[in-house]
Amino acid sequence: MIRRLDILAFTVLFLGGCDRNPGSTEEATTGDADPRAALIARGESLELPGEWAIPPGDPLSHATAGFAKILCSNVFLSGLDPDFAAGNTGFFSAPAEERSQVTERMVDHETRRVHLTLPDGTVRSAKLHGDQGCLALPVGETEPYYEAVEVTPNLPDPETTPWPMGDLLPDEPFPADVDMDKVALAVDAAFDPPEALTAAFVVTHRGRLIGERYREGIDHTTPLESWSMGKSLTGTLMAVLIHKGVYDLWQSAPVPEWQGEGDPRQSIRIGDIMRMSSGLRFRNRSDPGYDPEVGYPDHLYVYTGTVNSFEWVAAKDQQWEPNTVGRYRNSDPVITNYLVRLGVEGQLGENYHRFPQRHLFDKLGIRNLIPETDPYGNFLLQGYEFGSGRDWARLGNLYLNDGVAPNGERILPEGYVDYVSTLAPAWEADGRHQYGGGFFWVNQADQFPIPPTAYYMAGAGGQNTIVIPSHELVVARLGHYSGSGPGRGALNRALELLLEAVPER
């Protein structure tokens, strides 16, 4: 039996914590049984033998490394005031309680570094590392373990190039069947109340930009914290490689560490991983039954541990058979990013750090989306990336257009958008009608007041890029983390108005 429930405690977005999407959910239940208990019981009944490997080190030091990186990115990429950034951004990997224990904060604009000191004298630092954005440094290190790579968009002047490949908007009437007055009301609603701290709101209809607005000090070129929308970007990069013939969606994931004779992880397919259904043993605070006393969660450690994130995750064993249990865990996008690096460097023989710009961003007109890395140069696109509102809308329109770029070139495989927008079988088996493929959420549990055929990218702190095929809309909303509560209500009201303004296809 499946029944519809309102927001459950373990699926709510906590301001200090879970990298989850808030909203209604569906849970498998039996009679009046506690749905959370039923979900835990199902997982336990299917669990494979194995042991947890708790991340080493001091959790406060890890959180402070996350805080240093967040400050660095928001100050040197977004251009925010350091005090505002410290009080309003990035609480996912650096909760407020841990931030309060920093005894000294230094933001060095000359060297573009951030240094945070803890009561025991430990200093956690982050730096702007060229075109790879900001990264946290291991304790005692002054530089990461790789050289920065220059990444310049191969695109014409945006001021003289028409949207979407540039920022020049057409001087022609809007479609007569779109109520532009109501679109304007929707855009205003996205910023009301001011406590929502909405930073960017962009609306396109049939690919045309019909509404946008930005918070003071921010414009259409400003990269903003985007968090787990980067997971959907990860899926897109993998899809580009699949279209190029480097991988097949349903092949066994060729992770080198999994290729030993008899290794059961060889049964994990790429398509399972990108449905958050790999089954890897990897702790997240949003796991049902999560116990904070066990130790620092892996889900955060791949952001803040300043280790080789690919090696850390590849060493994990299986908790469940693949495609059996759905869990929202950073293990899966990290492994996918690992495969992207292997495919780009090993099979294409190209530069890994330039690959997103050359093979995806340049084809969509994206100039202000910055993938960030760990100290070893591995993209941390499970959530460390900064992008502008327009650039996220451009990516959303790639999906609305079934994987075809503005110039008519197909860059995603045929059928990939169907995979993305279809409920993942393991999540359906858990009774949670929320997650699709390619690291996209699906709206089948009415998380947003829009049709159930909609699907979307979601990031902690209220970051969303929403594709609404029934109305040919793409909506990108980015905001500062501390405003995520009222920001959710503002976004819902804006979406309701947009559906009234734009007719169903």
Protein backbone atom coordinates (compact mmCIF):
# COMPACT_ATOMS: atom_id res chain seq x y z
CA MET A 1 0.00 0.00 0.00
CA ILE A 2 1.28 3.48 -0.86
CA ARG A 3 -0.13 6.64 0.65
CA ARG A 4 0.67 10.32 0.11
CA LEU A 5 2.28 12.11 3.06
CA ASP A 6 3.31 15.65 3.65
CA ILE A 7 6.87 16.63 4.42
CA LEU A 8 8.62 13.97 6.46
CA ALA A 9 11.31 14.82 8.96
CA PHE A 10 14.02 12.93 7.14
CA THR A 11 13.28 14.50 3.74
CA VAL A 12 13.12 18.09 4.90
CA LEU A 13 15.88 20.52 3.96
CA PHE A 14 17.46 21.55 7.24
CA LEU A 15 19.08 24.97 7.06
CA GLY A 16 22.21 23.53 8.58
CA GLY A 17 22.20 20.25 6.87
CA CYS A 18 20.55 17.91 4.46
CA ASP A 19 21.26 18.25 0.77
CA ARG A 20 17.72 17.29 -0.09
CA ASN A 21 14.76 18.79 -1.85
CA PRO A 22 11.89 19.78 0.45
CA GLY A 23 8.31 19.03 -0.44
CA SER A 24 5.73 16.31 -0.33
CA THR A 25 6.83 12.73 -0.66
CA GLU A 26 5.43 9.25 -0.96
CA GLU A 27 6.51 6.48 1.36
CA ALA A 28 5.85 2.76 1.33
CA THR A 29 3.69 1.82 4.31
CA THR A 30 1.74 -1.10 5.63
CA GLY A 31 -1.45 -0.16 7.39
CA ASP A 32 -0.67 2.47 9.99
CA ALA A 33 3.03 1.62 10.14
CA ASP A 34 5.53 4.44 10.46
CA PRO A 35 6.69 5.06 6.85
CA ARG A 36 10.20 5.94 8.01
CA ALA A 37 10.42 2.69 9.97
CA ALA A 38 9.16 0.78 6.94
CA LEU A 39 11.81 2.36 4.75
CA ILE A 40 14.54 1.48 7.25
CA ALA A 41 13.22 -2.07 7.60
CA ARG A 42 13.24 -2.60 3.85
CA GLY A 43 16.83 -1.40 3.62
CA GLU A 44 17.93 -3.62 6.49
CA SER A 45 16.26 -6.67 4.96
CA LEU A 46 18.24 -6.23 1.74
CA GLU A 47 21.58 -5.22 3.26
CA LEU A 48 24.73 -7.09 2.28
CA PRO A 49 27.50 -8.04 4.73
CA GLY A 50 30.12 -5.35 5.24
CA GLU A 51 31.55 -2.73 7.57
CA TRP A 52 31.41 1.03 7.68
CA ALA A 53 34.63 2.99 7.23
CA ILE A 54 34.16 6.26 9.09
CA PRO A 55 36.09 9.24 7.67
CA PRO A 56 39.15 10.13 9.74
CA GLY A 57 39.95 13.50 11.28
CA ASP A 58 38.21 16.14 13.37
CA PRO A 59 34.66 17.06 12.27
CA LEU A 60 35.13 20.67 13.38
CA SER A 61 38.25 20.97 11.24
CA HIS A 62 36.38 19.47 8.28
CA ALA A 63 33.47 21.90 8.69
CA THR A 64 35.90 24.81 8.93
CA ALA A 65 37.56 23.73 5.68
CA GLY A 66 34.11 23.81 4.15
CA PHE A 67 33.52 27.27 5.61
CA ALA A 68 36.81 28.56 4.17
CA LYS A 69 35.92 27.27 0.72
CA ILE A 70 32.40 28.72 0.88
CA LEU A 71 33.74 32.14 1.86
CA CYS A 72 36.36 32.01 -0.87
CA SER A 73 33.85 31.20 -3.61
CA ASN A 74 31.18 33.65 -2.51
CA VAL A 75 33.66 36.51 -2.10
CA PHE A 76 35.95 35.95 -5.09
CA LEU A 77 33.51 34.40 -7.58
CA SER A 78 30.17 35.98 -6.63
CA GLY A 79 31.64 39.24 -5.35
CA LEU A 80 29.74 39.17 -2.06
CA ASP A 81 30.76 41.07 1.05
CA PRO A 82 32.67 38.70 3.38
CA ASP A 83 30.41 39.42 6.35
CA PHE A 84 27.27 38.82 4.31
CA ALA A 85 28.75 35.62 2.86
CA ALA A 86 29.72 34.35 6.30
CA GLY A 87 26.22 34.94 7.64
CA ASN A 88 24.09 33.81 4.73
CA THR A 89 25.76 31.33 2.38
CA GLY A 90 26.81 27.72 2.20
CA PHE A 91 25.59 26.24 5.48
CA PHE A 92 25.41 22.76 3.99
CA SER A 93 29.08 21.87 4.40
CA ALA A 94 29.70 24.47 7.13
CA PRO A 95 26.84 24.65 9.66
CA ALA A 96 26.34 27.77 11.79
CA GLU A 97 27.31 26.10 15.07
CA GLU A 98 30.72 25.11 13.72
CA ARG A 99 31.24 28.55 12.17
CA SER A 100 30.73 30.17 15.56
CA GLN A 101 33.86 28.43 16.86
CA VAL A 102 36.19 30.21 14.42
CA THR A 103 38.34 32.60 16.46
CA GLU A 104 39.95 34.50 13.60
CA ARG A 105 38.81 35.08 10.03
CA MET A 106 41.08 36.55 7.37
CA VAL A 107 39.95 37.22 3.81
CA ASP A 108 42.97 38.26 1.78
CA HIS A 109 41.80 40.08 -1.35
CA GLU A 110 45.33 40.49 -2.67
CA THR A 111 46.18 36.78 -2.74
CA ARG A 112 42.54 35.69 -2.97
CA ARG A 113 42.79 33.36 -0.02
CA VAL A 114 40.75 32.75 3.12
CA HIS A 115 42.25 31.63 6.44
CA LEU A 116 40.14 30.53 9.41
CA THR A 117 41.60 29.79 12.85
CA LEU A 118 40.11 27.44 15.43
CA PRO A 119 40.56 27.59 19.24
CA ASP A 120 43.30 24.94 19.18
CA GLY A 121 45.29 26.96 16.65
CA THR A 122 44.36 24.86 13.62
CA VAL A 123 44.13 26.98 10.48
CA ARG A 124 41.94 25.92 7.57
CA SER A 125 42.52 27.72 4.30
CA ALA A 126 41.04 28.01 0.83
CA LYS A 127 42.27 29.75 -2.28
CA LEU A 128 41.05 30.86 -5.68
CA HIS A 129 42.83 28.48 -8.05
CA GLY A 130 42.54 30.16 -11.42
CA ASP A 131 39.65 29.10 -13.63
CA GLN A 132 38.94 26.11 -11.38
CA GLY A 133 37.36 28.41 -8.78
CA CYS A 134 38.03 27.99 -5.08
CA LEU A 135 39.21 24.91 -3.23
CA ALA A 136 39.99 23.98 0.35
CA LEU A 137 43.58 23.10 1.16
CA PRO A 138 44.82 20.25 3.38
CA VAL A 139 46.12 21.35 6.77
CA GLY A 140 49.62 22.79 6.41
CA GLU A 141 49.50 23.00 2.60
CA THR A 142 49.67 26.30 0.74
CA GLU A 143 48.89 24.93 -2.73
CA PRO A 144 46.82 22.08 -4.18
CA TYR A 145 48.43 19.10 -5.88
CA TYR A 146 47.82 20.23 -9.47
CA GLU A 147 48.41 23.29 -11.62
CA ALA A 148 45.47 25.49 -12.55
CA VAL A 149 44.31 25.19 -16.15
CA GLU A 150 43.19 28.20 -18.16
CA VAL A 151 39.66 27.73 -19.47
CA THR A 152 38.41 30.44 -21.84
CA PRO A 153 35.00 30.17 -23.50
CA ASN A 154 35.25 29.76 -27.27
CA LEU A 155 32.27 32.02 -27.82
CA PRO A 156 31.61 35.39 -29.49
CA ASP A 157 31.04 38.66 -27.64
CA PRO A 158 27.89 38.07 -25.55
CA GLU A 159 26.79 41.71 -25.80
CA THR A 160 26.45 41.49 -29.60
CA THR A 161 25.39 37.84 -29.89
CA PRO A 162 21.67 36.98 -29.69
CA TRP A 163 20.32 34.85 -26.84
CA PRO A 164 20.90 32.03 -26.03
CA MET A 165 24.43 31.91 -27.44
CA GLY A 166 24.88 35.48 -26.18
CA ASP A 167 23.03 37.96 -24.02
CA LEU A 168 21.49 40.19 -26.71
CA LEU A 169 17.71 39.86 -26.36
CA PRO A 170 15.41 40.14 -29.41
CA ASP A 171 13.48 43.36 -29.95
CA GLU A 172 10.20 41.79 -30.99
CA PRO A 173 6.79 41.23 -29.40
CA PHE A 174 6.31 38.42 -26.94
CA PRO A 175 3.90 35.61 -27.90
CA ALA A 176 0.30 36.83 -27.82
CA ASP A 177 -0.83 33.78 -25.82
CA VAL A 178 1.52 34.55 -22.92
CA ASP A 179 0.21 36.93 -20.25
CA MET A 180 3.32 39.05 -19.77
CA ASP A 181 1.74 41.07 -16.95
CA LYS A 182 1.30 37.88 -14.98
CA VAL A 183 4.84 36.80 -15.86
CA ALA A 184 6.04 40.07 -14.31
CA LEU A 185 3.98 39.32 -11.19
CA ALA A 186 5.58 35.86 -11.02
CA VAL A 187 9.07 37.33 -11.23
CA ASP A 188 8.26 39.78 -8.43
CA ALA A 189 6.74 36.97 -6.34
CA ALA A 190 10.02 35.08 -6.48
CA PHE A 191 11.63 37.90 -4.48
CA ASP A 192 8.86 38.31 -1.90
CA PRO A 193 9.49 38.43 1.01
CA PRO A 194 12.95 40.03 1.04
CA GLU A 195 13.98 37.40 3.61
CA ALA A 196 13.86 34.85 0.79
CA LEU A 197 17.20 36.29 -0.35
CA THR A 198 16.45 35.29 -3.92
CA ALA A 199 19.54 36.21 -5.92
CA ALA A 200 18.53 35.29 -9.48
CA PHE A 201 15.26 34.31 -11.16
CA VAL A 202 15.16 33.51 -14.87
CA VAL A 203 12.19 32.29 -16.93
CA THR A 204 12.26 31.06 -20.52
CA HIS A 205 9.35 29.97 -22.72
CA ARG A 206 10.14 27.87 -25.80
CA GLY A 207 13.76 28.90 -25.22
CA ARG A 208 13.04 32.63 -25.25
CA LEU A 209 13.83 34.64 -22.13
CA ILE A 210 10.52 36.16 -20.96
CA GLY A 211 11.35 37.23 -17.42
CA GLU A 212 14.29 37.72 -15.09
CA ARG A 213 15.36 39.68 -12.04
CA TYR A 214 18.43 39.83 -9.79
CA ARG A 215 19.18 40.88 -6.26
CA GLU A 216 21.08 44.14 -5.80
CA GLY A 217 24.76 43.73 -6.69
CA ILE A 218 24.08 40.65 -8.84
CA ASP A 219 23.45 40.45 -12.58
CA HIS A 220 23.05 37.91 -15.38
CA THR A 221 26.78 37.13 -15.37
CA THR A 222 27.23 36.56 -11.62
CA PRO A 223 28.20 32.97 -10.66
CA LEU A 224 26.20 31.92 -7.59
CA GLU A 225 26.30 28.97 -5.21
CA SER A 226 24.40 26.19 -6.95
CA TRP A 227 25.10 23.13 -4.80
CA SER A 228 23.58 19.86 -5.99
CA MET A 229 22.35 21.24 -9.29
CA GLY A 230 25.92 20.21 -10.11
CA LYS A 231 24.79 16.60 -9.88
CA SER A 232 22.56 17.15 -12.90
CA LEU A 233 25.51 18.80 -14.64
CA THR A 234 27.52 15.68 -13.82
CA GLY A 235 24.86 13.54 -15.48
CA THR A 236 24.94 15.82 -18.50
CA LEU A 237 28.72 15.47 -18.89
CA MET A 238 28.39 11.70 -18.72
CA ALA A 239 25.60 11.85 -21.30
CA VAL A 240 27.89 13.83 -23.64
CA LEU A 241 30.46 11.04 -23.36
CA ILE A 242 27.80 8.41 -23.96
CA HIS A 243 26.70 10.23 -27.11
CA LYS A 244 30.33 10.30 -28.25
CA GLY A 245 30.53 6.52 -27.82
CA VAL A 246 32.93 6.57 -24.88
CA TYR A 247 30.44 4.80 -22.62
CA ASP A 248 27.09 3.03 -22.77
CA LEU A 249 24.46 3.95 -20.18
CA TRP A 250 23.83 0.33 -19.23
CA GLN A 251 27.35 -1.02 -19.22
CA SER A 252 29.11 -2.12 -16.07
CA ALA A 253 30.80 0.95 -14.60
CA PRO A 254 34.51 0.56 -15.49
CA VAL A 255 35.90 1.90 -12.22
CA PRO A 256 39.50 0.60 -12.04
CA GLU A 257 39.25 -0.27 -8.35
CA TRP A 258 36.28 -2.54 -9.07
CA GLN A 259 37.90 -4.71 -11.74
CA GLY A 260 39.44 -7.39 -9.50
CA GLU A 261 38.37 -10.95 -10.11
CA GLY A 262 35.01 -11.63 -8.49
CA ASP A 263 34.46 -8.04 -7.34
CA PRO A 264 30.66 -7.79 -6.92
CA ARG A 265 30.74 -4.07 -7.76
CA GLN A 266 31.14 -5.04 -11.41
CA SER A 267 27.36 -5.53 -11.40
CA ILE A 268 26.84 -1.77 -10.89
CA ARG A 269 25.86 -0.12 -14.16
CA ILE A 270 26.41 3.51 -15.06
CA GLY A 271 22.65 3.94 -15.35
CA ASP A 272 22.18 2.63 -11.80
CA ILE A 273 24.72 5.07 -10.43
CA MET A 274 23.02 8.05 -12.07
CA ARG A 275 19.72 7.01 -10.49
CA MET A 276 21.20 7.25 -6.99
CA SER A 277 20.84 3.49 -6.84
CA SER A 278 24.41 2.15 -6.87
CA GLY A 279 24.04 0.55 -3.45
CA LEU A 280 27.46 1.76 -2.25
CA ARG A 281 27.99 1.90 1.51
CA PHE A 282 28.17 5.65 2.06
CA ARG A 283 26.60 7.62 4.91
CA ASN A 284 24.50 10.75 4.41
CA ARG A 285 22.66 12.75 7.05
CA SER A 286 19.45 12.37 5.04
CA ASP A 287 19.63 8.56 5.26
CA PRO A 288 16.66 7.16 7.18
CA GLY A 289 18.06 5.89 10.44
CA TYR A 290 21.15 8.11 10.26
CA ASP A 291 22.95 8.25 13.62
CA PRO A 292 25.12 11.37 14.05
CA GLU A 293 27.02 9.71 16.89
CA VAL A 294 28.60 7.18 14.54
CA GLY A 295 30.97 9.73 13.02
CA TYR A 296 31.40 12.34 10.32
CA PRO A 297 29.34 11.41 7.23
CA ASP A 298 30.97 10.48 3.93
CA HIS A 299 28.47 12.73 2.15
CA LEU A 300 30.20 15.79 3.66
CA TYR A 301 33.72 14.37 3.75
CA VAL A 302 34.04 14.39 -0.04
CA TYR A 303 33.53 18.17 0.16
CA THR A 304 35.63 18.99 3.22
CA GLY A 305 38.14 16.17 3.74
CA THR A 306 40.65 17.64 1.24
CA VAL A 307 41.41 14.10 0.06
CA ASN A 308 41.33 12.48 -3.37
CA SER A 309 37.55 12.22 -3.51
CA PHE A 310 37.57 9.72 -6.37
CA GLU A 311 39.80 7.28 -4.48
CA TRP A 312 37.79 7.68 -1.29
CA VAL A 313 34.51 6.73 -2.92
CA ALA A 314 35.91 4.02 -5.19
CA ALA A 315 37.11 2.16 -2.10
CA LYS A 316 33.56 1.77 -0.75
CA ASP A 317 31.92 -1.64 -0.77
CA GLN A 318 28.27 -2.44 -1.45
CA GLN A 319 25.53 -2.04 1.11
CA TRP A 320 22.88 -3.23 -1.35
CA GLU A 321 22.66 -4.81 -4.76
CA PRO A 322 22.50 -2.10 -7.44
CA ASN A 323 19.10 -0.87 -8.65
CA THR A 324 17.49 -2.20 -5.46
CA VAL A 325 17.44 0.62 -2.88
CA GLY A 326 17.42 4.35 -3.65
CA ARG A 327 19.45 6.65 -1.41
CA TYR A 328 20.53 10.24 -1.98
CA ARG A 329 24.32 9.95 -1.54
CA ASN A 330 27.28 11.84 -2.96
CA SER A 331 29.02 8.55 -3.71
CA ASP A 332 27.13 8.26 -6.97
CA PRO A 333 27.87 11.64 -8.58
CA VAL A 334 31.50 11.41 -7.37
CA ILE A 335 31.93 8.03 -9.07
CA THR A 336 30.29 9.42 -12.21
CA ASN A 337 32.73 12.33 -12.21
CA TYR A 338 35.55 9.81 -11.81
CA LEU A 339 34.32 8.01 -14.93
CA VAL A 340 34.09 11.33 -16.77
CA ARG A 341 37.75 12.02 -15.99
CA LEU A 342 38.79 8.53 -17.07
CA GLY A 343 36.86 8.83 -20.32
CA VAL A 344 38.08 12.31 -21.20
CA GLU A 345 41.76 11.68 -20.46
CA GLY A 346 41.98 8.01 -21.37
CA GLN A 347 39.70 7.58 -24.37
CA LEU A 348 39.32 11.06 -25.82
CA GLY A 349 42.86 12.08 -24.90
CA GLU A 350 41.70 15.60 -24.04
CA ASN A 351 42.18 18.02 -21.16
CA TYR A 352 39.81 17.11 -18.35
CA HIS A 353 39.44 20.63 -16.92
CA ARG A 354 38.55 22.12 -20.30
CA PHE A 355 36.13 19.36 -21.24
CA PRO A 356 32.93 20.90 -19.76
CA GLN A 357 33.54 24.21 -21.50
CA ARG A 358 34.60 22.79 -24.86
CA HIS A 359 32.07 19.98 -25.22
CA LEU A 360 29.04 21.39 -23.38
CA PHE A 361 29.18 25.04 -22.32
CA ASP A 362 30.48 26.40 -25.64
CA LYS A 363 27.60 24.67 -27.43
CA LEU A 364 24.98 26.31 -25.19
CA GLY A 365 26.35 29.84 -24.74
CA ILE A 366 27.47 29.22 -21.14
CA ARG A 367 30.26 31.53 -19.99
CA ASN A 368 29.84 31.86 -16.24
CA LEU A 369 29.56 28.31 -14.86
CA ILE A 370 32.63 27.32 -12.83
CA PRO A 371 33.17 23.66 -11.83
CA GLU A 372 35.35 23.44 -8.69
CA THR A 373 37.71 20.70 -7.56
CA ASP A 374 39.35 18.90 -4.67
CA PRO A 375 43.10 19.48 -4.10
CA TYR A 376 43.87 16.71 -6.60
CA GLY A 377 42.04 18.41 -9.45
CA ASN A 378 38.97 16.15 -9.39
CA PHE A 379 35.72 17.99 -10.11
CA LEU A 380 33.51 18.07 -7.01
CA LEU A 381 30.39 18.46 -9.13
CA GLN A 382 28.22 16.76 -6.56
CA GLY A 383 27.74 20.35 -5.38
CA TYR A 384 30.83 22.56 -5.62
CA GLU A 385 30.16 24.74 -8.64
CA PHE A 386 29.05 28.33 -9.17
CA GLY A 387 26.86 29.39 -12.08
CA SER A 388 24.73 32.33 -13.22
CA GLY A 389 20.95 32.22 -13.49
CA ARG A 390 21.03 32.51 -17.27
CA ASP A 391 23.59 29.74 -17.59
CA TRP A 392 21.49 27.32 -15.56
CA ALA A 393 18.49 28.26 -17.74
CA ARG A 394 20.58 27.49 -20.83
CA LEU A 395 21.33 24.03 -19.44
CA GLY A 396 17.66 23.47 -18.63
CA ASN A 397 16.72 24.33 -22.19
CA LEU A 398 19.06 21.65 -23.50
CA TYR A 399 16.71 19.18 -21.80
CA LEU A 400 13.53 20.93 -22.92
CA ASN A 401 14.95 20.58 -26.46
CA ASP A 402 15.54 16.83 -26.01
CA GLY A 403 19.33 17.13 -25.88
CA VAL A 404 19.73 19.28 -28.98
CA ALA A 405 21.86 22.44 -28.81
CA PRO A 406 20.71 25.82 -30.21
CA ASN A 407 22.62 25.22 -33.46
CA GLY A 408 20.72 21.98 -34.07
CA GLU A 409 23.52 19.65 -33.00
CA ARG A 410 22.49 16.73 -30.83
CA ILE A 411 24.85 16.53 -27.85
CA LEU A 412 22.87 14.15 -25.59
CA PRO A 413 21.88 10.64 -26.69
CA GLU A 414 18.42 10.04 -28.09
CA GLY A 415 16.20 8.82 -25.26
CA TYR A 416 18.38 10.31 -22.52
CA VAL A 417 15.80 12.94 -21.55
CA ASP A 418 13.23 10.14 -21.12
CA TYR A 419 15.68 8.36 -18.82
CA VAL A 420 16.19 11.55 -16.82
CA SER A 421 12.48 12.27 -16.40
CA THR A 422 11.41 8.71 -15.52
CA LEU A 423 11.08 7.61 -11.91
CA ALA A 424 14.03 5.45 -10.81
CA PRO A 425 12.91 1.84 -10.14
CA ALA A 426 14.75 1.53 -6.82
CA TRP A 427 13.16 4.74 -5.53
CA GLU A 428 9.76 3.50 -6.68
CA ALA A 429 10.38 0.24 -4.83
CA ASP A 430 11.06 2.30 -1.71
CA GLY A 431 7.73 4.08 -2.24
CA ARG A 432 9.38 7.44 -2.89
CA HIS A 433 8.25 8.97 -6.17
CA GLN A 434 10.90 11.66 -6.24
CA TYR A 435 14.04 10.74 -8.15
CA GLY A 436 14.70 10.05 -11.82
CA GLY A 437 17.85 9.43 -13.85
CA GLY A 438 20.88 11.54 -14.65
CA PHE A 439 20.75 13.02 -11.12
CA PHE A 440 17.46 14.82 -11.74
CA TRP A 441 14.45 14.97 -9.45
CA VAL A 442 10.97 14.22 -10.80
CA ASN A 443 7.81 16.00 -9.64
CA GLN A 444 5.65 12.91 -9.28
CA ALA A 445 5.19 13.48 -5.55
CA ASP A 446 4.04 17.07 -6.13
CA GLN A 447 7.10 18.66 -4.59
CA PHE A 448 6.25 21.79 -6.60
CA PRO A 449 2.80 23.13 -7.64
CA ILE A 450 3.42 22.20 -11.26
CA PRO A 451 2.51 19.17 -13.42
CA PRO A 452 3.91 15.77 -12.41
CA THR A 453 5.66 15.52 -15.78
CA ALA A 454 8.06 18.27 -14.71
CA TYR A 455 11.59 17.40 -13.62
CA TYR A 456 14.34 19.50 -12.13
CA MET A 457 17.81 20.10 -10.80
CA ALA A 458 17.93 20.84 -7.07
CA GLY A 459 20.60 22.11 -4.70
CA ALA A 460 20.78 22.84 -1.00
CA GLY A 461 19.77 26.32 0.08
CA GLY A 462 16.98 26.68 -2.46
CA GLN A 463 18.73 26.27 -5.81
CA ASN A 464 16.52 24.95 -8.63
CA THR A 465 16.37 24.70 -12.39
CA ILE A 466 12.95 23.36 -13.36
CA VAL A 467 11.88 21.97 -16.73
CA ILE A 468 8.11 22.04 -17.34
CA PRO A 469 7.55 20.35 -20.72
CA SER A 470 3.75 20.76 -20.63
CA HIS A 471 4.15 24.55 -20.71
CA GLU A 472 7.53 24.67 -22.52
CA LEU A 473 9.00 26.54 -19.57
CA VAL A 474 12.40 26.51 -17.90
CA VAL A 475 12.68 28.31 -14.56
CA ALA A 476 15.99 28.91 -12.77
CA ARG A 477 15.98 30.19 -9.20
CA LEU A 478 19.14 30.75 -7.14
CA GLY A 479 19.30 32.25 -3.68
CA HIS A 480 21.48 32.77 -0.68
CA TYR A 481 21.33 29.77 1.63
CA SER A 482 19.88 31.37 4.78
CA GLY A 483 16.80 32.47 2.84
CA SER A 484 15.87 28.97 1.69
CA GLY A 485 12.80 28.66 3.95
CA PRO A 486 10.87 31.73 2.75
CA GLY A 487 12.53 31.28 -0.63
CA ARG A 488 10.67 28.01 -1.12
CA GLY A 489 7.31 29.67 -0.55
CA ALA A 490 8.26 32.51 -2.90
CA LEU A 491 9.24 30.05 -5.62
CA ASN A 492 5.97 28.13 -5.27
CA ARG A 493 3.91 31.31 -5.64
CA ALA A 494 5.97 32.32 -8.68
CA LEU A 495 5.42 28.92 -10.30
CA GLU A 496 1.68 29.08 -9.75
CA LEU A 497 1.53 32.47 -11.47
CA LEU A 498 3.69 31.27 -14.35
CA LEU A 499 1.33 28.36 -15.07
CA GLU A 500 -1.53 30.88 -15.20
CA ALA A 501 0.49 33.15 -17.50
CA VAL A 502 1.64 30.51 -19.99
CA PRO A 503 -0.84 28.20 -21.72
CA GLU A 504 -0.36 24.46 -21.69
CA ARG A 505 1.16 23.17 -24.89
